[in-house]
């Protein structure tokens, strides 16, 4: 039997408000449209987390919960500081194995979030842009994240090196693409055509005649 049911699944996210999320989608999208895409991406992500086995599901949120939040999640606020500090704090609040993802990969599936801790001490999901979309730790240690330079082309390599340097057995998850730009959005929607994100992108593209 898999050990996935012992996992705390963490989603770190921003409230999808215009001007605060997905700013690199503007242009071609307006801030309101970018926020609508962010909300759809977050909703798809939360659906996948709900469908995956877990001991606990936690939304680590910058902002206020809205209509997009389904039942079944504990909501905790993000701490102050850089992204490395915020990720570290998310893990610090966990007892037992934890797997963290963001809101930028709406193509994620429950199967990708179902990990067996007998296979590794850490699970690492590399992103196509050089970052990472998932990080799982059998024994959460915030110091494994503090000081890692975030939002660079080397972020993933540095973070993975931290894990192996600590002597952890690292299992790699498939590479996924984050939604950062309009071309990213089109590729992600094509990878998950039945999701809310793809539907919202199709709607906005049709409305604007893009």
N, C-alpha and C. Protein backbone atom coordinates (compact mmCIF):
# COMPACT_ATOMS: atom_id res chain seq x y z
N UNK A 1 0.84 -1.20 0.00
CA UNK A 1 0.00 0.00 0.00
C UNK A 1 0.87 1.24 0.00
N UNK A 2 0.47 2.27 -0.78
CA UNK A 2 1.20 3.52 -0.83
C UNK A 2 1.14 4.24 0.51
N UNK A 3 2.17 5.05 0.76
CA UNK A 3 2.19 5.86 1.98
C UNK A 3 1.62 7.25 1.74
N UNK A 4 1.00 7.48 0.58
CA UNK A 4 0.51 8.81 0.22
C UNK A 4 -0.51 9.35 1.21
N UNK A 5 -1.27 8.46 1.85
CA UNK A 5 -2.30 8.93 2.77
C UNK A 5 -1.71 9.60 4.02
N UNK A 6 -0.40 9.48 4.21
CA UNK A 6 0.25 10.14 5.34
C UNK A 6 0.71 11.55 5.00
N UNK A 7 0.51 11.97 3.76
CA UNK A 7 1.07 13.21 3.26
C UNK A 7 0.20 14.42 3.59
N UNK A 8 0.86 15.51 3.98
CA UNK A 8 0.20 16.81 3.97
C UNK A 8 0.46 17.45 2.61
N UNK A 9 -0.60 17.78 1.90
CA UNK A 9 -0.48 18.45 0.60
C UNK A 9 -0.64 19.95 0.81
N UNK A 10 0.38 20.70 0.42
CA UNK A 10 0.42 22.15 0.58
C UNK A 10 0.28 22.83 -0.78
N UNK A 11 -0.57 23.85 -0.85
CA UNK A 11 -0.67 24.68 -2.05
C UNK A 11 -0.34 26.11 -1.63
N UNK A 12 0.71 26.68 -2.19
CA UNK A 12 1.05 28.07 -1.90
C UNK A 12 0.51 28.93 -3.03
N UNK A 13 -0.25 29.97 -2.68
CA UNK A 13 -0.98 30.70 -3.70
C UNK A 13 -1.22 32.15 -3.29
N UNK A 14 -1.49 32.97 -4.31
CA UNK A 14 -1.95 34.33 -4.10
C UNK A 14 -3.44 34.40 -4.42
N UNK A 15 -4.15 35.23 -3.66
CA UNK A 15 -5.53 35.51 -4.01
C UNK A 15 -5.58 36.08 -5.43
N UNK A 16 -6.43 35.52 -6.30
CA UNK A 16 -6.45 35.98 -7.71
C UNK A 16 -7.17 37.32 -7.88
N UNK A 17 -6.44 38.39 -7.56
CA UNK A 17 -6.98 39.74 -7.70
C UNK A 17 -6.25 40.47 -8.81
N UNK A 18 -6.99 41.25 -9.63
CA UNK A 18 -6.36 41.98 -10.73
C UNK A 18 -5.20 42.85 -10.27
N UNK A 19 -4.11 42.76 -11.01
CA UNK A 19 -2.93 43.55 -10.69
C UNK A 19 -1.99 42.89 -9.72
N UNK A 20 -2.42 41.78 -9.07
CA UNK A 20 -1.57 41.12 -8.08
C UNK A 20 -1.08 39.76 -8.56
N UNK A 21 -1.72 39.19 -9.56
CA UNK A 21 -1.36 37.85 -10.02
C UNK A 21 -1.17 37.85 -11.54
N UNK A 22 -0.29 36.95 -11.98
CA UNK A 22 -0.09 36.72 -13.41
C UNK A 22 0.13 38.01 -14.19
N UNK A 23 0.95 38.89 -13.64
CA UNK A 23 1.19 40.17 -14.31
C UNK A 23 1.95 40.01 -15.63
N UNK A 24 2.64 38.90 -15.79
CA UNK A 24 3.36 38.69 -17.06
C UNK A 24 2.43 38.26 -18.19
N UNK A 25 1.16 38.02 -17.87
CA UNK A 25 0.16 37.77 -18.91
C UNK A 25 -0.39 39.08 -19.49
N UNK A 26 0.03 40.21 -18.89
CA UNK A 26 -0.48 41.52 -19.29
C UNK A 26 0.65 42.34 -19.91
N UNK A 27 0.55 42.66 -21.21
CA UNK A 27 -0.39 42.15 -22.20
C UNK A 27 -0.02 40.73 -22.64
N UNK A 28 -0.85 40.07 -23.42
CA UNK A 28 -2.01 40.57 -24.17
C UNK A 28 -3.30 40.65 -23.36
N UNK A 29 -3.33 40.02 -22.17
CA UNK A 29 -4.56 40.04 -21.39
C UNK A 29 -4.59 41.25 -20.47
N UNK A 30 -5.78 41.69 -20.12
CA UNK A 30 -5.93 42.77 -19.16
C UNK A 30 -5.68 42.22 -17.76
N UNK A 31 -5.44 43.09 -16.77
CA UNK A 31 -5.28 42.59 -15.40
C UNK A 31 -6.47 41.77 -14.92
N UNK A 32 -7.68 42.16 -15.31
CA UNK A 32 -8.86 41.40 -14.91
C UNK A 32 -8.88 40.02 -15.56
N UNK A 33 -8.49 39.96 -16.83
CA UNK A 33 -8.44 38.66 -17.51
C UNK A 33 -7.34 37.78 -16.94
N UNK A 34 -6.20 38.39 -16.63
CA UNK A 34 -5.11 37.62 -16.02
C UNK A 34 -5.55 37.04 -14.68
N UNK A 35 -6.30 37.83 -13.90
CA UNK A 35 -6.80 37.33 -12.62
C UNK A 35 -7.81 36.21 -12.82
N UNK A 36 -8.62 36.30 -13.86
CA UNK A 36 -9.58 35.23 -14.15
C UNK A 36 -8.85 33.94 -14.51
N UNK A 37 -7.77 34.06 -15.28
CA UNK A 37 -6.97 32.88 -15.61
C UNK A 37 -6.30 32.31 -14.37
N UNK A 38 -5.81 33.19 -13.50
CA UNK A 38 -5.20 32.73 -12.26
C UNK A 38 -6.21 32.00 -11.39
N UNK A 39 -7.43 32.53 -11.31
CA UNK A 39 -8.47 31.86 -10.52
C UNK A 39 -8.79 30.47 -11.08
N UNK A 40 -8.86 30.37 -12.40
CA UNK A 40 -9.14 29.08 -13.02
C UNK A 40 -7.99 28.10 -12.77
N UNK A 41 -6.75 28.59 -12.84
CA UNK A 41 -5.60 27.73 -12.58
C UNK A 41 -5.61 27.24 -11.14
N UNK A 42 -5.93 28.14 -10.22
CA UNK A 42 -5.98 27.77 -8.82
C UNK A 42 -7.10 26.76 -8.57
N UNK A 43 -8.25 26.96 -9.19
CA UNK A 43 -9.36 26.03 -9.01
C UNK A 43 -9.01 24.64 -9.52
N UNK A 44 -8.36 24.56 -10.68
CA UNK A 44 -7.92 23.26 -11.20
C UNK A 44 -6.94 22.60 -10.24
N UNK A 45 -6.01 23.40 -9.72
CA UNK A 45 -5.01 22.87 -8.80
C UNK A 45 -5.65 22.33 -7.53
N UNK A 46 -6.58 23.07 -6.96
CA UNK A 46 -7.24 22.63 -5.74
C UNK A 46 -8.08 21.38 -5.99
N UNK A 47 -8.69 21.28 -7.16
CA UNK A 47 -9.44 20.07 -7.50
C UNK A 47 -8.52 18.84 -7.52
N UNK A 48 -7.35 19.00 -8.11
CA UNK A 48 -6.40 17.88 -8.17
C UNK A 48 -5.95 17.47 -6.77
N UNK A 49 -5.70 18.46 -5.92
CA UNK A 49 -5.28 18.17 -4.55
C UNK A 49 -6.39 17.46 -3.78
N UNK A 50 -7.62 17.88 -3.99
CA UNK A 50 -8.75 17.23 -3.31
C UNK A 50 -8.90 15.78 -3.73
N UNK A 51 -8.56 15.48 -4.98
CA UNK A 51 -8.74 14.12 -5.50
C UNK A 51 -7.55 13.22 -5.18
N UNK A 52 -6.47 13.77 -4.64
CA UNK A 52 -5.29 12.98 -4.30
C UNK A 52 -5.37 12.53 -2.84
N UNK A 53 -4.82 11.36 -2.53
CA UNK A 53 -4.82 10.92 -1.13
C UNK A 53 -3.95 11.82 -0.27
N UNK A 54 -4.41 12.12 0.93
CA UNK A 54 -3.65 13.00 1.83
C UNK A 54 -4.16 12.86 3.24
N UNK A 55 -3.29 13.16 4.18
CA UNK A 55 -3.70 13.23 5.59
C UNK A 55 -4.33 14.58 5.88
N UNK A 56 -3.81 15.62 5.21
CA UNK A 56 -4.28 16.98 5.42
C UNK A 56 -4.01 17.78 4.16
N UNK A 57 -4.88 18.74 3.88
CA UNK A 57 -4.71 19.62 2.73
C UNK A 57 -4.71 21.06 3.23
N UNK A 58 -3.66 21.81 2.85
CA UNK A 58 -3.47 23.15 3.39
C UNK A 58 -3.25 24.13 2.24
N UNK A 59 -3.99 25.24 2.26
CA UNK A 59 -3.76 26.35 1.34
C UNK A 59 -2.99 27.42 2.09
N UNK A 60 -1.78 27.68 1.63
CA UNK A 60 -0.92 28.71 2.23
C UNK A 60 -1.12 29.97 1.39
N UNK A 61 -1.93 30.90 1.91
CA UNK A 61 -2.51 31.93 1.06
C UNK A 61 -2.00 33.33 1.39
N UNK A 62 -1.67 34.06 0.33
CA UNK A 62 -1.43 35.50 0.40
C UNK A 62 -2.72 36.17 -0.05
N UNK A 63 -3.52 36.62 0.90
CA UNK A 63 -4.80 37.22 0.56
C UNK A 63 -5.94 36.60 1.33
N UNK A 64 -7.13 36.71 0.76
CA UNK A 64 -8.37 36.26 1.40
C UNK A 64 -9.02 35.17 0.58
N UNK A 65 -9.51 34.09 1.19
CA UNK A 65 -10.20 33.05 0.43
C UNK A 65 -11.45 33.60 -0.27
N UNK A 66 -11.77 33.02 -1.41
CA UNK A 66 -12.94 33.44 -2.18
C UNK A 66 -13.78 32.26 -2.62
N UNK A 67 -14.64 32.51 -3.57
CA UNK A 67 -15.57 31.49 -4.04
C UNK A 67 -14.87 30.29 -4.66
N UNK A 68 -13.63 30.49 -5.03
CA UNK A 68 -12.85 29.45 -5.69
C UNK A 68 -12.34 28.39 -4.72
N UNK A 69 -12.48 28.62 -3.42
CA UNK A 69 -11.94 27.67 -2.44
C UNK A 69 -13.00 26.64 -2.06
N UNK A 70 -12.77 25.36 -2.39
CA UNK A 70 -13.72 24.33 -2.03
C UNK A 70 -13.53 23.90 -0.57
N UNK A 71 -14.51 23.21 0.00
CA UNK A 71 -14.33 22.66 1.35
C UNK A 71 -13.19 21.62 1.34
N UNK A 72 -12.60 21.42 2.50
CA UNK A 72 -11.58 20.38 2.63
C UNK A 72 -10.18 20.89 2.82
N UNK A 73 -10.02 22.21 2.85
CA UNK A 73 -8.69 22.81 3.02
C UNK A 73 -8.61 23.59 4.32
N UNK A 74 -7.49 23.44 5.02
CA UNK A 74 -7.13 24.38 6.06
C UNK A 74 -6.43 25.56 5.38
N UNK A 75 -6.74 26.76 5.79
CA UNK A 75 -6.13 27.95 5.20
C UNK A 75 -5.23 28.61 6.23
N UNK A 76 -3.96 28.82 5.86
CA UNK A 76 -3.02 29.52 6.72
C UNK A 76 -2.41 30.66 5.92
N UNK A 77 -2.12 31.78 6.57
CA UNK A 77 -1.53 32.90 5.84
C UNK A 77 -0.06 32.68 5.54
N UNK A 78 0.39 33.24 4.43
CA UNK A 78 1.82 33.23 4.13
C UNK A 78 2.53 34.17 5.09
N UNK A 79 3.75 33.82 5.44
CA UNK A 79 4.55 34.69 6.29
C UNK A 79 5.16 35.80 5.44
N UNK A 80 5.78 36.76 6.10
CA UNK A 80 6.49 37.82 5.39
C UNK A 80 7.82 37.29 4.88
N UNK A 81 8.43 38.04 3.96
CA UNK A 81 9.75 37.66 3.48
C UNK A 81 9.72 37.19 2.04
N UNK A 82 10.89 36.78 1.57
CA UNK A 82 11.02 36.29 0.21
C UNK A 82 10.34 34.94 0.03
N UNK A 83 10.28 34.49 -1.21
CA UNK A 83 9.60 33.23 -1.49
C UNK A 83 10.27 32.06 -0.78
N UNK A 84 11.59 32.09 -0.67
CA UNK A 84 12.26 31.00 0.04
C UNK A 84 11.81 30.93 1.49
N UNK A 85 11.65 32.07 2.13
CA UNK A 85 11.19 32.10 3.51
C UNK A 85 9.74 31.64 3.62
N UNK A 86 8.92 32.01 2.65
CA UNK A 86 7.51 31.62 2.68
C UNK A 86 7.34 30.12 2.47
N UNK A 87 8.14 29.56 1.57
CA UNK A 87 8.10 28.11 1.37
C UNK A 87 8.62 27.38 2.61
N UNK A 88 9.70 27.90 3.18
CA UNK A 88 10.25 27.28 4.38
C UNK A 88 9.23 27.27 5.51
N UNK A 89 8.52 28.39 5.67
CA UNK A 89 7.53 28.49 6.74
C UNK A 89 6.38 27.51 6.51
N UNK A 90 6.01 27.29 5.25
CA UNK A 90 4.94 26.35 4.95
C UNK A 90 5.33 24.95 5.41
N UNK A 91 6.57 24.56 5.14
CA UNK A 91 7.03 23.24 5.60
C UNK A 91 7.18 23.19 7.11
N UNK A 92 7.56 24.31 7.71
CA UNK A 92 7.76 24.33 9.16
C UNK A 92 6.47 24.03 9.91
N UNK A 93 5.34 24.31 9.27
CA UNK A 93 4.06 24.06 9.91
C UNK A 93 3.55 22.65 9.78
N UNK A 94 4.36 21.76 9.22
CA UNK A 94 3.93 20.39 8.95
C UNK A 94 4.56 19.39 9.92
N UNK A 95 3.77 18.44 10.33
CA UNK A 95 4.28 17.30 11.09
C UNK A 95 4.15 16.07 10.20
N UNK A 96 5.28 15.47 9.87
CA UNK A 96 5.25 14.33 8.96
C UNK A 96 5.46 14.76 7.53
N UNK A 97 5.44 13.82 6.60
CA UNK A 97 5.77 14.10 5.20
C UNK A 97 4.83 15.13 4.58
N UNK A 98 5.40 15.97 3.71
CA UNK A 98 4.63 17.04 3.08
C UNK A 98 5.09 17.23 1.65
N UNK A 99 4.12 17.53 0.78
CA UNK A 99 4.39 17.81 -0.63
C UNK A 99 3.77 19.15 -0.95
N UNK A 100 4.59 20.08 -1.45
CA UNK A 100 4.14 21.44 -1.74
C UNK A 100 4.13 21.69 -3.23
N UNK A 101 3.06 22.35 -3.69
CA UNK A 101 2.98 22.81 -5.09
C UNK A 101 2.48 24.24 -5.10
N UNK A 102 2.57 24.89 -6.26
CA UNK A 102 2.04 26.23 -6.43
C UNK A 102 0.73 26.20 -7.19
N UNK A 103 0.31 27.38 -7.65
CA UNK A 103 -0.96 27.51 -8.38
C UNK A 103 -0.73 27.69 -9.87
N UNK A 104 0.51 27.50 -10.33
CA UNK A 104 0.88 27.83 -11.71
C UNK A 104 0.86 26.63 -12.65
N UNK A 105 0.48 25.46 -12.15
CA UNK A 105 0.48 24.25 -12.99
C UNK A 105 -0.90 23.59 -12.94
N UNK A 106 -1.91 24.21 -13.58
CA UNK A 106 -3.25 23.64 -13.53
C UNK A 106 -3.38 22.30 -14.24
N UNK A 107 -2.35 21.90 -14.97
CA UNK A 107 -2.36 20.59 -15.62
C UNK A 107 -1.97 19.47 -14.67
N UNK A 108 -1.65 19.79 -13.42
CA UNK A 108 -1.27 18.76 -12.46
C UNK A 108 -2.43 17.79 -12.24
N UNK A 109 -2.10 16.54 -11.98
CA UNK A 109 -3.12 15.51 -11.79
C UNK A 109 -3.00 14.89 -10.40
N UNK A 110 -4.06 14.27 -9.91
CA UNK A 110 -3.96 13.56 -8.64
C UNK A 110 -2.86 12.51 -8.63
N UNK A 111 -2.66 11.85 -9.77
CA UNK A 111 -1.63 10.80 -9.83
C UNK A 111 -0.24 11.38 -9.58
N UNK A 112 0.03 12.58 -10.10
CA UNK A 112 1.34 13.20 -9.89
C UNK A 112 1.56 13.56 -8.43
N UNK A 113 0.47 13.76 -7.69
CA UNK A 113 0.57 14.15 -6.29
C UNK A 113 0.53 12.96 -5.34
N UNK A 114 0.44 11.78 -5.90
CA UNK A 114 0.36 10.56 -5.09
C UNK A 114 1.75 9.94 -5.03
N UNK A 115 2.47 10.22 -3.97
CA UNK A 115 3.86 9.77 -3.85
C UNK A 115 3.97 8.70 -2.76
N UNK A 116 4.95 7.84 -2.91
CA UNK A 116 5.20 6.78 -1.95
C UNK A 116 6.53 7.08 -1.26
N UNK A 117 6.46 7.42 0.00
CA UNK A 117 7.64 7.85 0.73
C UNK A 117 8.64 6.73 0.97
N UNK A 118 8.26 5.50 0.70
CA UNK A 118 9.24 4.41 0.78
C UNK A 118 10.23 4.48 -0.36
N UNK A 119 9.90 5.25 -1.41
CA UNK A 119 10.76 5.33 -2.59
C UNK A 119 11.79 6.46 -2.51
N UNK A 120 11.64 7.38 -1.58
CA UNK A 120 12.58 8.48 -1.50
C UNK A 120 12.35 9.34 -0.28
N UNK A 121 13.37 10.11 0.07
CA UNK A 121 13.27 11.06 1.17
C UNK A 121 12.71 12.40 0.69
N UNK A 122 12.84 12.64 -0.62
CA UNK A 122 12.38 13.90 -1.20
C UNK A 122 11.86 13.63 -2.60
N UNK A 123 10.84 14.38 -2.98
CA UNK A 123 10.31 14.34 -4.34
C UNK A 123 10.46 15.73 -4.93
N UNK A 124 10.98 15.79 -6.17
CA UNK A 124 11.30 17.07 -6.79
C UNK A 124 10.66 17.14 -8.16
N UNK A 125 9.83 18.17 -8.37
CA UNK A 125 9.18 18.36 -9.66
C UNK A 125 9.78 19.54 -10.40
N UNK A 126 10.66 19.30 -11.37
CA UNK A 126 11.28 20.41 -12.10
C UNK A 126 10.29 21.10 -13.03
N UNK A 127 10.45 22.41 -13.17
CA UNK A 127 9.64 23.19 -14.10
C UNK A 127 10.44 23.48 -15.36
N UNK A 128 9.71 23.68 -16.45
CA UNK A 128 10.36 23.88 -17.75
C UNK A 128 11.21 25.14 -17.79
N UNK A 129 10.90 26.12 -16.91
CA UNK A 129 11.65 27.38 -16.93
C UNK A 129 12.88 27.36 -16.03
N UNK A 130 13.20 26.20 -15.46
CA UNK A 130 14.38 26.10 -14.60
C UNK A 130 14.06 26.15 -13.12
N UNK A 131 12.81 26.41 -12.77
CA UNK A 131 12.40 26.39 -11.37
C UNK A 131 11.91 25.01 -10.97
N UNK A 132 10.97 24.97 -10.04
CA UNK A 132 10.35 23.69 -9.68
C UNK A 132 8.89 23.92 -9.35
N UNK A 133 8.07 22.93 -9.68
CA UNK A 133 6.63 23.06 -9.45
C UNK A 133 6.19 22.26 -8.23
N UNK A 134 7.02 21.35 -7.76
CA UNK A 134 6.66 20.52 -6.60
C UNK A 134 7.90 20.22 -5.80
N UNK A 135 7.73 20.16 -4.48
CA UNK A 135 8.80 19.75 -3.60
C UNK A 135 8.18 18.97 -2.44
N UNK A 136 8.63 17.75 -2.28
CA UNK A 136 8.14 16.91 -1.20
C UNK A 136 9.27 16.50 -0.28
N UNK A 137 9.01 16.54 1.02
CA UNK A 137 10.01 16.18 2.02
C UNK A 137 9.40 15.21 3.01
N UNK A 138 10.03 14.04 3.16
CA UNK A 138 9.54 13.07 4.13
C UNK A 138 9.66 13.61 5.55
N UNK A 139 10.73 14.36 5.79
CA UNK A 139 10.93 15.02 7.08
C UNK A 139 11.17 16.50 6.80
N UNK A 140 10.11 17.31 6.83
CA UNK A 140 10.24 18.71 6.45
C UNK A 140 11.32 19.45 7.26
N UNK A 141 12.23 20.08 6.53
CA UNK A 141 13.31 20.85 7.13
C UNK A 141 13.34 22.21 6.43
N UNK A 142 12.85 23.26 7.10
CA UNK A 142 12.81 24.58 6.46
C UNK A 142 14.16 25.07 5.96
N UNK A 143 15.24 24.64 6.60
CA UNK A 143 16.56 25.12 6.20
C UNK A 143 16.98 24.61 4.83
N UNK A 144 16.29 23.59 4.31
CA UNK A 144 16.59 23.12 2.96
C UNK A 144 16.14 24.12 1.89
N UNK A 145 15.29 25.08 2.29
CA UNK A 145 14.78 26.06 1.33
C UNK A 145 15.32 27.46 1.56
N UNK A 146 15.65 27.79 2.78
CA UNK A 146 16.09 29.15 3.08
C UNK A 146 17.39 29.48 2.35
N UNK A 147 17.40 30.62 1.68
CA UNK A 147 18.58 31.05 0.96
C UNK A 147 18.67 30.58 -0.47
N UNK A 148 17.74 29.73 -0.92
CA UNK A 148 17.73 29.33 -2.33
C UNK A 148 17.22 30.51 -3.16
N UNK A 149 17.96 30.93 -4.18
CA UNK A 149 17.50 32.06 -5.00
C UNK A 149 16.29 31.65 -5.84
N UNK A 150 15.20 32.37 -5.66
CA UNK A 150 13.97 32.02 -6.33
C UNK A 150 13.77 32.80 -7.62
N UNK A 151 12.95 32.27 -8.50
CA UNK A 151 12.55 32.92 -9.75
C UNK A 151 13.74 33.21 -10.66
N UNK A 152 14.69 32.27 -10.70
CA UNK A 152 15.80 32.36 -11.65
C UNK A 152 15.87 31.06 -12.44
N UNK A 153 16.64 31.08 -13.51
CA UNK A 153 16.78 29.87 -14.33
C UNK A 153 17.53 28.77 -13.60
N UNK A 154 18.21 29.12 -12.49
CA UNK A 154 18.98 28.14 -11.74
C UNK A 154 18.28 27.67 -10.47
N UNK A 155 17.09 28.18 -10.20
CA UNK A 155 16.41 27.87 -8.94
C UNK A 155 16.26 26.37 -8.72
N UNK A 156 15.78 25.67 -9.74
CA UNK A 156 15.56 24.24 -9.59
C UNK A 156 16.84 23.48 -9.32
N UNK A 157 17.90 23.83 -10.06
CA UNK A 157 19.18 23.14 -9.88
C UNK A 157 19.74 23.37 -8.48
N UNK A 158 19.63 24.60 -7.99
CA UNK A 158 20.13 24.91 -6.65
C UNK A 158 19.32 24.18 -5.60
N UNK A 159 17.99 24.19 -5.76
CA UNK A 159 17.16 23.52 -4.77
C UNK A 159 17.40 22.01 -4.75
N UNK A 160 17.53 21.42 -5.92
CA UNK A 160 17.77 19.97 -5.96
C UNK A 160 19.13 19.63 -5.36
N UNK A 161 20.12 20.49 -5.62
CA UNK A 161 21.45 20.27 -5.04
C UNK A 161 21.41 20.36 -3.52
N UNK A 162 20.55 21.21 -2.99
CA UNK A 162 20.38 21.28 -1.54
C UNK A 162 19.90 19.93 -1.00
N UNK A 163 18.99 19.31 -1.71
CA UNK A 163 18.43 18.04 -1.25
C UNK A 163 19.48 16.93 -1.29
N UNK A 164 20.17 16.82 -2.42
CA UNK A 164 21.18 15.76 -2.51
C UNK A 164 22.36 16.04 -1.59
N UNK A 165 22.69 17.33 -1.41
CA UNK A 165 23.78 17.70 -0.52
C UNK A 165 23.49 17.35 0.93
N UNK A 166 22.20 17.27 1.26
CA UNK A 166 21.81 16.87 2.61
C UNK A 166 21.74 15.36 2.77
N UNK A 167 22.11 14.64 1.71
CA UNK A 167 22.12 13.18 1.77
C UNK A 167 20.77 12.53 1.55
N UNK A 168 19.81 13.29 0.99
CA UNK A 168 18.48 12.75 0.78
C UNK A 168 18.41 11.95 -0.52
N UNK A 169 17.61 10.90 -0.50
CA UNK A 169 17.30 10.16 -1.73
C UNK A 169 16.20 10.92 -2.46
N UNK A 170 16.53 11.46 -3.63
CA UNK A 170 15.61 12.33 -4.35
C UNK A 170 14.97 11.58 -5.51
N UNK A 171 13.66 11.61 -5.57
CA UNK A 171 12.92 11.06 -6.70
C UNK A 171 12.39 12.23 -7.52
N UNK A 172 12.65 12.18 -8.83
CA UNK A 172 12.20 13.26 -9.71
C UNK A 172 10.80 12.97 -10.26
N UNK A 173 9.96 13.99 -10.23
CA UNK A 173 8.65 13.95 -10.85
C UNK A 173 8.79 14.48 -12.28
N UNK A 174 7.76 14.30 -13.12
CA UNK A 174 7.85 14.80 -14.49
C UNK A 174 8.01 16.32 -14.55
N UNK A 175 8.64 16.79 -15.61
CA UNK A 175 8.76 18.23 -15.85
C UNK A 175 7.39 18.79 -16.25
N UNK A 176 6.98 19.87 -15.60
CA UNK A 176 5.76 20.58 -15.98
C UNK A 176 6.09 22.03 -16.31
N UNK A 177 5.21 22.65 -17.06
CA UNK A 177 5.39 24.06 -17.45
C UNK A 177 4.53 24.95 -16.57
N UNK A 178 5.13 25.98 -15.99
CA UNK A 178 4.37 26.99 -15.25
C UNK A 178 3.67 27.92 -16.23
N UNK A 179 2.54 28.47 -15.79
CA UNK A 179 1.86 29.51 -16.56
C UNK A 179 2.44 30.86 -16.15
N UNK A 180 3.30 31.41 -16.98
CA UNK A 180 3.87 32.73 -16.73
C UNK A 180 3.48 33.71 -17.83
N UNK A 181 3.60 33.26 -19.08
CA UNK A 181 3.34 34.12 -20.23
C UNK A 181 2.18 33.56 -21.04
N UNK A 182 1.73 34.35 -22.02
CA UNK A 182 0.64 33.89 -22.88
C UNK A 182 1.00 32.61 -23.65
N UNK A 183 2.21 32.49 -24.21
CA UNK A 183 2.56 31.22 -24.84
C UNK A 183 2.54 30.05 -23.86
N UNK A 184 2.99 30.29 -22.62
CA UNK A 184 2.91 29.24 -21.60
C UNK A 184 1.46 28.82 -21.40
N UNK A 185 0.58 29.80 -21.30
CA UNK A 185 -0.84 29.52 -21.06
C UNK A 185 -1.41 28.63 -22.16
N UNK A 186 -1.06 28.92 -23.39
CA UNK A 186 -1.57 28.12 -24.51
C UNK A 186 -1.06 26.69 -24.44
N UNK A 187 0.21 26.50 -24.09
CA UNK A 187 0.77 25.15 -24.01
C UNK A 187 0.16 24.37 -22.85
N UNK A 188 -0.03 25.04 -21.72
CA UNK A 188 -0.61 24.35 -20.56
C UNK A 188 -2.07 23.98 -20.83
N UNK A 189 -2.82 24.87 -21.45
CA UNK A 189 -4.20 24.57 -21.78
C UNK A 189 -4.29 23.38 -22.74
N UNK A 190 -3.36 23.29 -23.67
CA UNK A 190 -3.35 22.16 -24.60
C UNK A 190 -3.04 20.85 -23.89
N UNK A 191 -2.25 20.94 -22.81
CA UNK A 191 -1.90 19.73 -22.06
C UNK A 191 -3.04 19.26 -21.17
N UNK A 192 -3.96 20.17 -20.82
CA UNK A 192 -5.10 19.81 -19.96
C UNK A 192 -6.35 20.48 -20.54
N UNK A 193 -6.81 20.00 -21.70
CA UNK A 193 -7.88 20.70 -22.42
C UNK A 193 -9.24 20.64 -21.74
N UNK A 194 -9.41 19.76 -20.77
CA UNK A 194 -10.72 19.61 -20.13
C UNK A 194 -10.85 20.39 -18.83
N UNK A 195 -9.82 21.15 -18.47
CA UNK A 195 -9.84 21.85 -17.20
C UNK A 195 -10.48 23.22 -17.27
N UNK A 196 -10.65 23.83 -16.11
CA UNK A 196 -11.23 25.17 -16.05
C UNK A 196 -10.30 26.20 -16.67
N UNK A 197 -8.99 25.98 -16.50
CA UNK A 197 -8.04 26.93 -17.07
C UNK A 197 -8.16 26.96 -18.58
N UNK A 198 -8.21 25.80 -19.21
CA UNK A 198 -8.32 25.75 -20.67
C UNK A 198 -9.63 26.38 -21.13
N UNK A 199 -10.71 26.12 -20.40
CA UNK A 199 -12.00 26.71 -20.76
C UNK A 199 -11.98 28.23 -20.65
N UNK A 200 -11.36 28.73 -19.60
CA UNK A 200 -11.29 30.19 -19.41
C UNK A 200 -10.40 30.83 -20.47
N UNK A 201 -9.30 30.19 -20.81
CA UNK A 201 -8.43 30.72 -21.86
C UNK A 201 -9.16 30.75 -23.19
N UNK A 202 -9.89 29.69 -23.50
CA UNK A 202 -10.67 29.64 -24.74
C UNK A 202 -11.70 30.76 -24.76
N UNK A 203 -12.39 30.97 -23.64
CA UNK A 203 -13.42 32.01 -23.57
C UNK A 203 -12.81 33.39 -23.78
N UNK A 204 -11.72 33.67 -23.09
CA UNK A 204 -11.11 34.99 -23.21
C UNK A 204 -10.54 35.22 -24.60
N UNK A 205 -9.97 34.20 -25.18
CA UNK A 205 -9.40 34.32 -26.51
C UNK A 205 -10.50 34.59 -27.54
N UNK A 206 -11.64 33.92 -27.38
CA UNK A 206 -12.76 34.13 -28.31
C UNK A 206 -13.36 35.51 -28.15
N UNK A 207 -13.51 35.97 -26.90
CA UNK A 207 -14.11 37.27 -26.64
C UNK A 207 -13.28 38.40 -27.27
N UNK A 208 -11.97 38.28 -27.12
CA UNK A 208 -11.08 39.34 -27.60
C UNK A 208 -10.68 39.16 -29.06
N UNK A 209 -11.04 38.03 -29.64
CA UNK A 209 -10.65 37.77 -31.02
C UNK A 209 -9.16 37.60 -31.18
N UNK A 210 -8.50 37.10 -30.12
CA UNK A 210 -7.05 36.93 -30.16
C UNK A 210 -6.68 35.73 -31.01
